[in-house]
């Protein structure tokens, strides 16, 4: 995400990665038995600069939610609530 490029993940449909893809619209997630569909996704993406640009933009926006400073906020909140 931090590179601002579309993502392709091989993961289960109930995975966190699939949830990220669905919520941020930054690429596609395929299960391990969908390798042919994953390859087609890459080929189609290479032929479609508009979709590539859209997914890239979404990836760059999503990366803002996963910065180190945001992770530090979660840790601080966890520690504060544990005390």
Protein backbone atom coordinates (compact mmCIF):
# COMPACT_ATOMS: atom_id res chain seq x y z
CA UNK A 1 0.00 0.00 0.00
CA UNK A 2 2.71 2.46 0.92
CA UNK A 3 4.07 2.32 -2.64
CA UNK A 4 0.68 3.39 -3.98
CA UNK A 5 0.31 0.42 -6.30
CA UNK A 6 -2.60 -2.00 -6.64
CA UNK A 7 -2.43 -5.06 -4.43
CA UNK A 8 -2.96 -8.71 -5.20
CA UNK A 9 -3.26 -11.06 -2.25
CA UNK A 10 -3.59 -14.80 -1.99
CA UNK A 11 -5.59 -15.31 1.19
CA UNK A 12 -8.86 -16.73 2.46
CA UNK A 13 -12.06 -14.78 1.95
CA UNK A 14 -12.41 -14.38 5.72
CA UNK A 15 -8.90 -12.92 6.10
CA UNK A 16 -7.98 -9.42 7.19
CA UNK A 17 -6.26 -8.91 3.82
CA UNK A 18 -9.52 -9.60 2.00
CA UNK A 19 -11.27 -7.16 4.31
CA UNK A 20 -8.69 -4.47 3.47
CA UNK A 21 -9.09 -5.06 -0.26
CA UNK A 22 -12.86 -4.87 0.00
CA UNK A 23 -13.03 -1.82 2.24
CA UNK A 24 -10.27 0.22 0.60
CA UNK A 25 -10.85 -0.93 -3.00
CA UNK A 26 -7.11 -1.19 -3.61
CA UNK A 27 -6.80 -4.45 -5.52
CA UNK A 28 -8.04 -8.02 -5.39
CA UNK A 29 -7.79 -10.98 -3.05
CA UNK A 30 -7.90 -14.52 -4.36
CA UNK A 31 -7.94 -17.88 -2.63
CA UNK A 32 -5.15 -20.33 -3.39
CA UNK A 33 -7.32 -22.18 -5.93
CA UNK A 34 -7.91 -19.00 -7.97
CA UNK A 35 -4.42 -18.52 -9.39
CA UNK A 36 -5.72 -18.37 -12.97
CA UNK A 37 -8.14 -15.59 -12.01
CA UNK A 38 -5.29 -13.79 -10.23
CA UNK A 39 -3.19 -13.97 -13.39
CA UNK A 40 -6.09 -12.61 -15.45
CA UNK A 41 -6.48 -9.77 -12.95
CA UNK A 42 -2.84 -8.80 -13.50
CA UNK A 43 -3.12 -8.98 -17.28
CA UNK A 44 -6.32 -6.93 -17.28
CA UNK A 45 -4.80 -4.41 -14.91
CA UNK A 46 -1.80 -3.99 -17.22
CA UNK A 47 -4.19 -3.26 -20.10
CA UNK A 48 -6.41 -0.85 -18.17
CA UNK A 49 -4.50 2.25 -17.04
CA UNK A 50 -7.65 3.90 -15.67
CA UNK A 51 -8.35 1.04 -13.26
CA UNK A 52 -4.65 0.81 -12.40
CA UNK A 53 -4.60 4.51 -11.53
CA UNK A 54 -7.80 4.24 -9.48
CA UNK A 55 -6.52 1.26 -7.46
CA UNK A 56 -3.14 2.98 -7.02
CA UNK A 57 -4.83 6.09 -5.69
CA UNK A 58 -6.92 4.00 -3.27
CA UNK A 59 -3.80 2.15 -2.10
CA UNK A 60 -1.99 5.41 -1.38
CA UNK A 61 -4.98 6.67 0.60
CA UNK A 62 -5.23 3.41 2.53
CA UNK A 63 -1.55 3.58 3.43
CA UNK A 64 -2.28 6.71 5.44
CA UNK A 65 -4.29 4.56 7.87
CA UNK A 66 -1.36 2.20 8.44
CA UNK A 67 1.42 4.60 9.34
CA UNK A 68 3.67 3.96 12.31
CA UNK A 69 2.13 6.87 14.23
CA UNK A 70 -1.30 5.24 13.95
CA UNK A 71 0.09 1.96 15.28
CA UNK A 72 1.63 3.87 18.19
CA UNK A 73 -1.80 5.32 19.00
CA UNK A 74 -3.26 1.82 19.25
CA UNK A 75 -0.43 0.69 21.51
CA UNK A 76 -0.81 3.76 23.72
CA UNK A 77 -4.57 3.25 23.99
CA UNK A 78 -4.07 -0.43 24.83
CA UNK A 79 -1.51 0.35 27.53
CA UNK A 80 -3.70 3.11 28.98
CA UNK A 81 -6.68 0.77 29.19
CA UNK A 82 -4.61 -2.04 30.72
CA UNK A 83 -3.46 0.02 33.69
